[in-house]
Amino acid sequence: MRKRGALTRTLTIAGTVLAWFPIVATLGTAVPRMLGRGEFQVDYLMPAELFPVAVVAGALLLWAALRARSRVAPIGWGLGLMVGMLAAGQVLAVVTGLASGAAEPTGAAWAAVVASLVFYTLLIVELGVAGVFLIGDVFSTGAEADAAPPPAGGGDTTG
């Protein structure tokens, strides 16, 4: 049974707001710099520094998705890949010496670490977008809201 009560709605809204917080905070600190200095500078490490907020957001959204039986796969995969991307980038930075400053931030290792941060940030955005869609699912009314979601593979499930 799909649960779309007050708890599920609260989890969905809280998770979505928290998911967007690292992105909004990053851009929110860039705008005053742009207005003050006339140049666009973004602290691209800020989403990684706000990792605890992103994980809590993902956990709340996953809990809400499980209760609502909606958007479980994109939220679950997004959360898992988000954690994996940040962990992989940090391990790579430590192993190559980039984290300690023993190695210069150049070359393939540096590019791989930055790429992991980019993918991590995009996965936070994916969680935020999935949260927005989950809000629509949880707050929808009518017969289409109570209908079972389509099968994951999209194929015939009759046998």
Protein backbone atom coordinates (compact mmCIF):
# COMPACT_ATOMS: atom_id res chain seq x y z
CA MET A 1 0.00 0.00 0.00
CA ARG A 2 1.28 3.41 -0.95
CA LYS A 3 1.62 5.77 2.00
CA ARG A 4 1.19 9.43 1.15
CA GLY A 5 0.33 10.83 4.57
CA ALA A 6 1.84 13.62 6.60
CA LEU A 7 5.04 11.72 7.45
CA THR A 8 5.77 10.86 3.83
CA ARG A 9 5.04 14.41 2.72
CA THR A 10 7.25 15.85 5.44
CA LEU A 11 10.10 13.48 4.57
CA THR A 12 9.77 14.36 0.89
CA ILE A 13 9.78 18.12 1.41
CA ALA A 14 12.61 18.05 3.97
CA GLY A 15 14.71 15.74 1.78
CA THR A 16 14.18 17.86 -1.32
CA VAL A 17 15.05 21.11 0.46
CA LEU A 18 18.18 19.55 1.95
CA ALA A 19 19.16 18.05 -1.42
CA TRP A 20 19.12 21.47 -3.06
CA PHE A 21 20.92 23.18 -0.15
CA PRO A 22 24.52 22.35 -1.26
CA ILE A 23 23.79 23.63 -4.77
CA VAL A 24 21.99 26.78 -3.64
CA ALA A 25 24.67 27.51 -1.03
CA THR A 26 27.43 27.14 -3.62
CA LEU A 27 25.74 29.45 -6.10
CA GLY A 28 24.58 31.76 -3.31
CA THR A 29 28.17 32.47 -2.31
CA ALA A 30 29.22 33.00 -5.94
CA VAL A 31 26.66 35.71 -6.71
CA PRO A 32 27.93 38.27 -4.14
CA ARG A 33 31.48 37.73 -5.42
CA MET A 34 30.28 38.29 -8.95
CA LEU A 35 28.42 41.47 -8.02
CA GLY A 36 31.28 42.78 -5.87
CA ARG A 37 34.27 41.94 -8.04
CA GLY A 38 32.65 41.50 -11.41
CA GLU A 39 34.04 37.99 -11.86
CA PHE A 40 32.29 34.67 -11.47
CA GLN A 41 34.06 32.49 -8.90
CA VAL A 42 32.53 29.29 -7.55
CA ASP A 43 33.81 27.28 -4.60
CA TYR A 44 33.51 23.95 -6.40
CA LEU A 45 34.46 22.06 -3.21
CA MET A 46 31.47 23.37 -1.25
CA PRO A 47 29.08 20.57 -2.29
CA ALA A 48 31.66 18.05 -1.06
CA GLU A 49 32.04 19.97 2.20
CA LEU A 50 28.27 19.76 2.63
CA PHE A 51 28.32 15.97 2.11
CA PRO A 52 26.58 15.25 5.46
CA VAL A 53 23.64 17.40 4.37
CA ALA A 54 23.46 15.61 1.01
CA VAL A 55 23.52 12.18 2.66
CA VAL A 56 20.76 13.11 5.10
CA ALA A 57 18.75 14.48 2.17
CA GLY A 58 19.23 11.27 0.22
CA ALA A 59 18.26 9.13 3.20
CA LEU A 60 15.09 11.16 3.80
CA LEU A 61 14.15 10.98 0.12
CA LEU A 62 14.81 7.24 0.00
CA TRP A 63 12.67 6.69 3.09
CA ALA A 64 9.87 8.78 1.56
CA ALA A 65 10.20 6.99 -1.80
CA LEU A 66 9.97 3.60 -0.12
CA ARG A 67 6.88 4.69 1.81
CA ALA A 68 5.26 6.14 -1.32
CA ARG A 69 6.47 3.29 -3.54
CA SER A 70 7.52 5.85 -6.10
CA ARG A 71 10.89 6.90 -7.57
CA VAL A 72 12.79 4.38 -5.43
CA ALA A 73 15.25 3.42 -8.18
CA PRO A 74 16.43 6.90 -9.20
CA ILE A 75 16.73 8.04 -5.60
CA GLY A 76 18.44 4.86 -4.41
CA TRP A 77 20.87 4.73 -7.33
CA GLY A 78 21.50 8.47 -7.10
CA LEU A 79 22.30 8.25 -3.40
CA GLY A 80 24.57 5.24 -3.82
CA LEU A 81 26.44 6.68 -6.77
CA MET A 82 26.75 10.05 -5.04
CA VAL A 83 28.45 8.48 -2.02
CA GLY A 84 30.59 6.29 -4.30
CA MET A 85 31.76 9.19 -6.46
CA LEU A 86 32.86 11.28 -3.50
CA ALA A 87 34.58 8.32 -1.84
CA ALA A 88 36.36 7.35 -5.07
CA GLY A 89 37.58 10.90 -5.60
CA GLN A 90 38.88 11.15 -2.05
CA VAL A 91 40.64 7.78 -2.23
CA LEU A 92 42.24 8.77 -5.51
CA ALA A 93 43.36 12.12 -4.09
CA VAL A 94 44.95 10.43 -1.09
CA VAL A 95 46.63 7.65 -3.09
CA THR A 96 48.11 10.03 -5.67
CA GLY A 97 49.30 12.56 -3.09
CA LEU A 98 46.98 15.31 -4.26
CA ALA A 99 45.22 15.47 -0.90
CA SER A 100 48.44 16.06 1.06
CA GLY A 101 50.00 18.41 -1.47
CA ALA A 102 52.81 15.98 -2.27
CA ALA A 103 51.75 15.99 -5.93
CA GLU A 104 51.04 18.97 -8.14
CA PRO A 105 47.38 19.37 -9.17
CA THR A 106 47.98 18.50 -12.82
CA GLY A 107 47.62 15.53 -15.09
CA ALA A 108 45.23 12.63 -15.30
CA ALA A 109 44.95 12.10 -11.54
CA TRP A 110 43.88 15.71 -11.00
CA ALA A 111 41.39 15.46 -13.86
CA ALA A 112 39.93 12.26 -12.40
CA VAL A 113 39.51 13.83 -8.96
CA VAL A 114 37.82 16.91 -10.42
CA ALA A 115 35.62 14.68 -12.61
CA SER A 116 34.51 12.73 -9.54
CA LEU A 117 33.56 16.03 -7.87
CA VAL A 118 31.62 17.10 -10.96
CA PHE A 119 29.72 13.79 -11.10
CA TYR A 120 29.12 13.94 -7.34
CA THR A 121 27.62 17.43 -7.73
CA LEU A 122 25.48 16.33 -10.68
CA LEU A 123 24.19 13.44 -8.59
CA ILE A 124 23.16 15.90 -5.87
CA VAL A 125 21.20 17.76 -8.56
CA GLU A 126 19.69 14.43 -9.65
CA LEU A 127 18.53 13.80 -6.07
CA GLY A 128 17.01 17.27 -5.95
CA VAL A 129 15.17 16.76 -9.24
CA ALA A 130 13.97 13.31 -8.14
CA GLY A 131 12.76 14.92 -4.91
CA VAL A 132 10.76 17.49 -6.86
CA PHE A 133 9.13 14.71 -8.88
CA LEU A 134 8.49 12.75 -5.68
CA ILE A 135 6.73 15.80 -4.22
CA GLY A 136 4.46 15.74 -7.26
CA ASP A 137 3.79 12.04 -6.76
CA VAL A 138 3.11 12.34 -3.04
CA PHE A 139 0.83 15.36 -3.33
CA SER A 140 -1.06 14.16 -6.42
CA THR A 141 -4.71 13.27 -6.10
CA GLY A 142 -7.10 11.23 -8.19
CA ALA A 143 -7.18 7.76 -9.65
CA GLU A 144 -3.79 8.06 -11.36
CA ALA A 145 -2.14 8.59 -7.99
CA ASP A 146 -3.47 5.29 -6.65
CA ALA A 147 -2.61 3.27 -9.74
CA ALA A 148 0.35 0.96 -9.49
CA PRO A 149 3.55 2.27 -11.10
CA PRO A 150 4.58 0.63 -14.39
CA PRO A 151 7.02 -2.29 -14.19
CA ALA A 152 10.68 -1.31 -14.11
CA GLY A 153 11.55 -3.11 -17.34
CA GLY A 154 8.49 -1.86 -19.17
CA GLY A 155 7.84 -5.35 -20.51
CA ASP A 156 4.96 -7.75 -20.19
CA THR A 157 4.71 -9.16 -16.65
CA THR A 158 2.00 -11.74 -17.37
CA GLY A 159 4.35 -14.61 -17.88
